[in-house]
Amino acid sequence: MNPPDCSDIVIRLDGLSHWFGTNRVLHNLNLSIERGQMVAVVGPSGCGKSTLLRAILGTHPPNAGSVLMDGKVVTSPGFDRGIVYQRYSLYEFMTACENVAFGLMLRHTTIPFRVFKWGTWRKMKKDHIRQAEELLVKVGLGNAMNKYPAEMSGGMCQRVAIAQALVMRPKLLLLDEPFGALDEATREDLQRMVLNLYQENTRAKIEGKPPPHTILLVTHELNEALYVCDRVLGLSQYWNYQGAGHDSCPGATIVYDRAAPTFEPNTPREFEQFVAQRDEIRNIVFEPENPPDPETHRDFWTRRQTAGSVNV
């Protein structure tokens, strides 16, 4: 089912398929993500999660179908999409604050502007630094603004990378397993940081404002997907493609799309609250035996509309 007409859709995939030669990677992906949603993508190794992110980012346009941001077809990278990878990329010769402010400089100025309009550039630079400082405080690095990457831990550097993306105010933030290389304690801290962004969305909705953060998170950790996000997508090459009229697998497709429970950042992580859903996802998305009909568990919008009707 498609989202209701009143939904504020940020990103939409229409029949997206991608392949490399004879290697079919993604098949007929149809997806709509509403502004303010935090969506996790999980799936077996080799199912095309990173290919999906690159198609949305615009670096690898799909072979068939389309990606639309706010109704406009994506053909190349743009400032409306930000991405944070598992391996952060920071300039070693810049402080945390300078790293975060650097993107603003590139977006709003040119070399001739900075040379010939020095006075205006100085004022703009102060504003860029202010914005960078505010973001670093938000991600918990208020005491590390003037540290260089070599002086910070991996978790701190990853927070800087997230602040780099957020300072550009992207309409969609892509997170490609951003916590995968971190120790468990640091990972939990960063998960709570993402939950703080979810709280910002909630406050904005209460105040009648557009929620500022829309996130698509790729992760291999089911607990993380269900804890951090409010919606989970299962992308899998294990589905009943013969029932759909294909002799061989035409690529991974979305076989699971349902809401996830929401949590407060400072409440204890109680995994037993979603153990049943975690097992459901594992059986549907990751098991090659008895592959599912992809339509069966792809009912996020139907369930939400039904819940809304009941509440009314």
Protein backbone atom coordinates (compact mmCIF):
# COMPACT_ATOMS: atom_id res chain seq x y z
CA MET A 1 0.00 0.00 0.00
CA ASN A 2 1.17 3.52 -0.82
CA PRO A 3 1.31 6.24 1.88
CA PRO A 4 -1.77 8.46 2.30
CA ASP A 5 -1.82 11.59 0.15
CA CYS A 6 -1.36 13.82 3.21
CA SER A 7 2.02 12.26 4.06
CA ASP A 8 5.08 14.48 3.71
CA ILE A 9 7.32 12.18 1.68
CA VAL A 10 11.02 13.07 1.57
CA ILE A 11 12.37 10.15 -0.43
CA ARG A 12 10.59 7.78 -2.78
CA LEU A 13 11.85 4.81 -4.76
CA ASP A 14 9.81 3.82 -7.81
CA GLY A 15 10.62 0.39 -9.21
CA LEU A 16 14.33 0.76 -8.47
CA SER A 17 16.48 -2.03 -9.91
CA HIS A 18 20.26 -2.24 -10.21
CA TRP A 19 22.68 -4.71 -11.71
CA PHE A 20 26.33 -5.04 -12.64
CA GLY A 21 26.58 -6.98 -15.89
CA THR A 22 24.83 -10.28 -15.27
CA ASN A 23 24.90 -9.79 -11.50
CA ARG A 24 21.40 -8.73 -10.48
CA VAL A 25 21.64 -6.82 -7.18
CA LEU A 26 18.35 -4.95 -6.52
CA HIS A 27 14.93 -5.70 -7.96
CA ASN A 28 11.85 -3.47 -8.14
CA LEU A 29 12.25 -1.55 -4.88
CA ASN A 30 9.25 0.63 -4.06
CA LEU A 31 9.55 2.72 -0.92
CA SER A 32 8.33 6.00 0.55
CA ILE A 33 9.91 7.58 3.65
CA GLU A 34 8.06 10.32 5.47
CA ARG A 35 9.77 13.40 6.85
CA GLY A 36 10.90 12.73 10.42
CA GLN A 37 11.03 8.95 10.12
CA MET A 38 14.07 6.98 11.23
CA VAL A 39 14.25 3.88 9.09
CA ALA A 40 16.63 0.94 9.48
CA VAL A 41 17.64 -1.31 6.59
CA VAL A 42 18.75 -4.84 7.50
CA GLY A 43 19.52 -7.84 5.35
CA PRO A 44 21.93 -10.69 4.58
CA SER A 45 25.44 -10.02 3.30
CA GLY A 46 25.44 -9.29 -0.39
CA CYS A 47 21.83 -8.15 -0.56
CA GLY A 48 22.72 -4.70 -1.91
CA LYS A 49 22.32 -2.44 1.14
CA SER A 50 25.32 -0.29 0.17
CA THR A 51 24.20 -0.25 -3.48
CA LEU A 52 20.84 1.09 -2.30
CA LEU A 53 22.53 3.87 -0.33
CA ARG A 54 24.69 4.84 -3.30
CA ALA A 55 21.62 5.00 -5.54
CA ILE A 56 19.89 7.33 -3.07
CA LEU A 57 23.06 9.38 -2.61
CA GLY A 58 23.23 9.81 -6.39
CA THR A 59 26.69 8.38 -7.04
CA HIS A 60 25.29 5.21 -8.67
CA PRO A 61 21.94 5.95 -10.36
CA PRO A 62 19.75 2.84 -10.78
CA ASN A 63 19.66 0.92 -14.04
CA ALA A 64 15.86 0.95 -13.90
CA GLY A 65 13.32 2.89 -11.90
CA SER A 66 14.01 6.15 -10.10
CA VAL A 67 14.88 7.86 -6.83
CA LEU A 68 12.95 11.03 -6.00
CA MET A 69 13.78 13.60 -3.31
CA ASP A 70 10.82 15.86 -2.58
CA GLY A 71 9.36 14.77 -5.91
CA LYS A 72 12.48 15.54 -7.98
CA VAL A 73 14.48 12.76 -9.67
CA VAL A 74 17.93 12.19 -8.17
CA THR A 75 20.67 11.99 -10.80
CA SER A 76 23.73 13.10 -8.83
CA PRO A 77 24.86 13.88 -5.25
CA GLY A 78 23.41 16.97 -3.60
CA PHE A 79 23.42 18.89 -0.33
CA ASP A 80 19.92 17.62 0.45
CA ARG A 81 21.47 14.22 1.27
CA GLY A 82 24.25 13.60 3.77
CA ILE A 83 26.06 10.36 4.53
CA VAL A 84 28.17 8.98 7.38
CA TYR A 85 30.22 5.87 6.73
CA GLN A 86 31.59 3.27 9.12
CA ARG A 87 35.06 4.69 8.55
CA TYR A 88 34.96 8.41 9.26
CA SER A 89 36.93 10.79 7.03
CA LEU A 90 38.28 13.78 8.94
CA TYR A 91 41.05 16.19 8.04
CA GLU A 92 43.90 15.44 10.42
CA PHE A 93 45.21 19.02 10.30
CA MET A 94 41.86 20.49 11.38
CA THR A 95 40.28 20.59 14.82
CA ALA A 96 36.89 19.02 15.43
CA CYS A 97 35.23 22.42 15.08
CA GLU A 98 37.11 23.25 11.88
CA ASN A 99 36.20 19.88 10.38
CA VAL A 100 32.51 20.48 11.01
CA ALA A 101 32.59 24.05 9.70
CA PHE A 102 34.52 23.10 6.55
CA GLY A 103 31.45 21.89 4.65
CA LEU A 104 29.64 25.17 5.28
CA MET A 105 32.59 27.06 3.83
CA LEU A 106 32.55 24.94 0.65
CA ARG A 107 28.79 25.28 0.29
CA HIS A 108 28.49 29.02 0.79
CA THR A 109 31.74 30.49 -0.51
CA THR A 110 34.34 30.20 -3.27
CA ILE A 111 38.08 30.90 -3.26
CA PRO A 112 37.64 34.26 -5.11
CA PHE A 113 34.89 35.23 -2.64
CA ARG A 114 37.15 34.54 0.34
CA VAL A 115 40.05 36.45 -1.25
CA PHE A 116 38.26 39.52 -2.58
CA LYS A 117 35.50 39.83 0.01
CA TRP A 118 37.60 39.16 3.08
CA GLY A 119 35.48 41.25 5.44
CA THR A 120 32.26 39.49 4.51
CA TRP A 121 34.01 36.12 4.66
CA ARG A 122 35.26 36.82 8.20
CA LYS A 123 31.70 37.41 9.37
CA MET A 124 30.45 34.29 7.61
CA LYS A 125 33.29 32.22 9.08
CA LYS A 126 32.30 33.28 12.60
CA ASP A 127 28.75 32.11 11.91
CA HIS A 128 30.03 28.80 10.50
CA ILE A 129 32.13 28.25 13.62
CA ARG A 130 29.12 29.06 15.82
CA GLN A 131 26.99 26.49 14.00
CA ALA A 132 29.77 23.92 14.27
CA GLU A 133 30.12 24.54 18.00
CA GLU A 134 26.37 24.12 18.53
CA LEU A 135 26.40 20.78 16.69
CA LEU A 136 29.41 19.52 18.62
CA VAL A 137 27.65 20.32 21.89
CA LYS A 138 24.57 18.46 20.62
CA VAL A 139 26.59 15.32 19.84
CA GLY A 140 28.37 15.43 23.21
CA LEU A 141 31.71 16.96 22.19
CA GLY A 142 31.43 20.34 23.85
CA ASN A 143 34.76 19.79 25.59
CA ALA A 144 36.59 18.52 22.52
CA MET A 145 35.97 21.29 19.97
CA ASN A 146 39.64 22.22 19.65
CA LYS A 147 41.04 18.70 19.57
CA TYR A 148 42.53 17.18 16.46
CA PRO A 149 41.45 13.73 15.20
CA ALA A 150 44.66 12.15 16.49
CA GLU A 151 43.75 13.38 19.99
CA MET A 152 40.27 11.81 19.94
CA SER A 153 38.97 8.25 20.24
CA GLY A 154 37.22 6.48 17.39
CA GLY A 155 33.83 7.14 18.95
CA MET A 156 34.59 10.85 19.29
CA CYS A 157 35.72 11.04 15.66
CA GLN A 158 32.52 9.34 14.57
CA ARG A 159 30.53 11.97 16.48
CA VAL A 160 32.44 14.66 14.59
CA ALA A 161 31.56 12.91 11.31
CA ILE A 162 27.87 12.91 12.27
CA ALA A 163 28.08 16.59 13.19
CA GLN A 164 29.71 17.24 9.79
CA ALA A 165 26.65 15.78 8.12
CA LEU A 166 24.07 17.41 10.39
CA VAL A 167 25.53 20.92 10.07
CA MET A 168 24.59 20.87 6.37
CA ARG A 169 20.93 20.35 7.39
CA PRO A 170 20.29 17.53 4.90
CA LYS A 171 16.71 16.53 4.19
CA LEU A 172 17.86 12.92 4.44
CA LEU A 173 20.79 11.57 6.47
CA LEU A 174 22.20 8.22 5.35
CA LEU A 175 24.10 6.19 7.94
CA ASP A 176 26.10 3.27 6.51
CA GLU A 177 26.83 1.03 9.53
CA PRO A 178 28.31 4.06 11.34
CA PHE A 179 28.80 2.27 14.67
CA GLY A 180 30.03 -1.09 13.39
CA ALA A 181 33.71 -0.55 14.16
CA LEU A 182 33.16 0.76 17.71
CA ASP A 183 33.24 -1.03 21.04
CA GLU A 184 29.91 -1.88 22.66
CA ALA A 185 29.88 0.94 25.23
CA THR A 186 30.72 3.61 22.65
CA ARG A 187 28.17 2.13 20.28
CA GLU A 188 25.44 2.43 22.92
CA ASP A 189 26.39 6.06 23.57
CA LEU A 190 26.03 6.88 19.87
CA GLN A 191 22.73 5.01 19.67
CA ARG A 192 21.42 7.23 22.46
CA MET A 193 22.64 10.24 20.50
CA VAL A 194 20.46 9.14 17.56
CA LEU A 195 17.53 8.74 19.96
CA ASN A 196 18.10 12.36 21.00
CA LEU A 197 17.57 13.33 17.36
CA TYR A 198 14.31 11.37 17.43
CA GLN A 199 13.27 13.36 20.49
CA GLU A 200 13.95 16.58 18.57
CA ASN A 201 11.57 15.34 15.89
CA THR A 202 8.92 14.60 18.49
CA ARG A 203 9.22 18.08 20.05
CA ALA A 204 9.04 19.71 16.61
CA LYS A 205 5.82 17.83 15.77
CA ILE A 206 4.25 18.86 19.09
CA GLU A 207 5.11 22.49 18.28
CA GLY A 208 3.61 22.16 14.81
CA LYS A 209 6.99 22.39 13.06
CA PRO A 210 8.49 20.07 10.43
CA PRO A 211 10.67 17.40 12.10
CA PRO A 212 14.30 18.25 11.28
CA HIS A 213 15.80 14.75 11.02
CA THR A 214 14.96 12.01 8.52
CA ILE A 215 17.38 9.09 8.72
CA LEU A 216 18.02 5.91 6.76
CA LEU A 217 20.32 3.63 8.75
CA VAL A 218 21.99 0.54 7.31
CA THR A 219 23.01 -1.89 10.04
CA HIS A 220 23.74 -5.59 10.39
CA GLU A 221 22.63 -5.53 14.05
CA LEU A 222 18.93 -6.29 14.53
CA ASN A 223 18.90 -5.06 18.13
CA GLU A 224 20.27 -1.72 16.97
CA ALA A 225 17.72 -1.45 14.16
CA LEU A 226 14.80 -2.02 16.52
CA TYR A 227 16.20 0.14 19.32
CA VAL A 228 17.21 3.23 17.35
CA CYS A 229 14.64 3.41 14.53
CA ASP A 230 10.86 3.60 14.34
CA ARG A 231 10.58 1.55 11.14
CA VAL A 232 12.52 -1.47 9.86
CA LEU A 233 13.01 -2.56 6.25
CA GLY A 234 14.23 -6.05 5.40
CA LEU A 235 16.14 -6.25 2.11
CA SER A 236 16.78 -9.81 0.99
CA GLN A 237 17.72 -11.99 -1.95
CA TYR A 238 15.77 -14.81 -0.27
CA TRP A 239 12.23 -14.40 -1.58
CA ASN A 240 9.76 -16.36 -3.66
CA TYR A 241 10.89 -15.07 -7.06
CA GLN A 242 9.56 -18.17 -8.84
CA GLY A 243 6.11 -17.34 -7.52
CA ALA A 244 6.63 -13.90 -9.08
CA GLY A 245 7.40 -15.47 -12.47
CA HIS A 246 11.22 -15.47 -12.41
CA ASP A 247 13.33 -18.57 -13.04
CA SER A 248 16.34 -17.14 -11.20
CA CYS A 249 16.68 -14.43 -8.58
CA PRO A 250 16.42 -11.02 -10.29
CA GLY A 251 17.98 -9.32 -7.26
CA ALA A 252 17.22 -8.54 -3.65
CA THR A 253 13.93 -6.84 -2.89
CA ILE A 254 12.11 -5.49 0.15
CA VAL A 255 10.49 -8.42 1.94
CA TYR A 256 9.77 -6.72 5.28
CA ASP A 257 8.51 -3.23 6.14
CA ARG A 258 6.96 -2.67 9.56
CA ALA A 259 7.02 -0.20 12.44
CA ALA A 260 9.41 -0.67 15.35
CA PRO A 261 8.92 0.33 19.00
CA THR A 262 10.26 3.72 20.09
CA PHE A 263 12.49 4.39 23.10
CA GLU A 264 13.64 7.33 25.18
CA PRO A 265 17.41 7.94 25.10
CA ASN A 266 17.88 7.68 28.86
CA THR A 267 15.72 4.64 29.54
CA PRO A 268 17.33 1.19 29.95
CA ARG A 269 17.57 -0.92 26.82
CA GLU A 270 15.07 -3.72 27.33
CA PHE A 271 15.53 -6.01 24.36
CA GLU A 272 12.78 -8.34 25.54
CA GLN A 273 10.31 -5.68 24.33
CA PHE A 274 11.12 -6.52 20.74
CA VAL A 275 12.46 -10.09 20.88
CA ALA A 276 9.40 -11.40 18.98
CA GLN A 277 9.84 -8.87 16.18
CA ARG A 278 13.58 -9.56 16.04
CA ASP A 279 12.88 -13.29 15.57
CA GLU A 280 10.24 -12.47 12.96
CA ILE A 281 12.73 -10.39 10.96
CA ARG A 282 15.42 -13.06 11.25
CA ASN A 283 13.08 -15.76 9.93
CA ILE A 284 11.65 -13.68 7.08
CA VAL A 285 14.73 -11.76 5.91
CA PHE A 286 17.74 -13.95 6.64
CA GLU A 287 16.58 -17.53 6.10
CA PRO A 288 16.97 -18.99 2.58
CA GLU A 289 14.60 -21.86 3.39
CA ASN A 290 10.90 -21.29 2.64
CA PRO A 291 11.39 -17.84 1.06
CA PRO A 292 8.45 -15.49 1.67
CA ASP A 293 6.14 -13.73 -0.72
CA PRO A 294 7.51 -10.16 -0.49
CA GLU A 295 4.03 -8.65 -0.23
CA THR A 296 3.12 -10.55 2.95
CA HIS A 297 5.21 -8.60 5.47
CA ARG A 298 5.52 -5.32 3.59
CA ASP A 299 2.57 -3.56 5.18
CA PHE A 300 3.89 -0.54 7.12
CA TRP A 301 1.42 1.96 5.61
CA THR A 302 -1.54 -0.42 5.80
CA ARG A 303 -0.94 -1.12 9.48
CA ARG A 304 -0.47 2.57 10.28
CA GLN A 305 -3.63 3.56 8.49
CA THR A 306 -5.57 0.79 10.25
CA ALA A 307 -4.17 1.87 13.64
CA GLY A 308 -5.14 5.46 12.86
CA SER A 309 -8.68 4.44 11.98
CA VAL A 310 -8.97 2.50 15.23
CA ASN A 311 -7.69 5.48 17.24
CA VAL A 312 -10.22 7.75 15.59
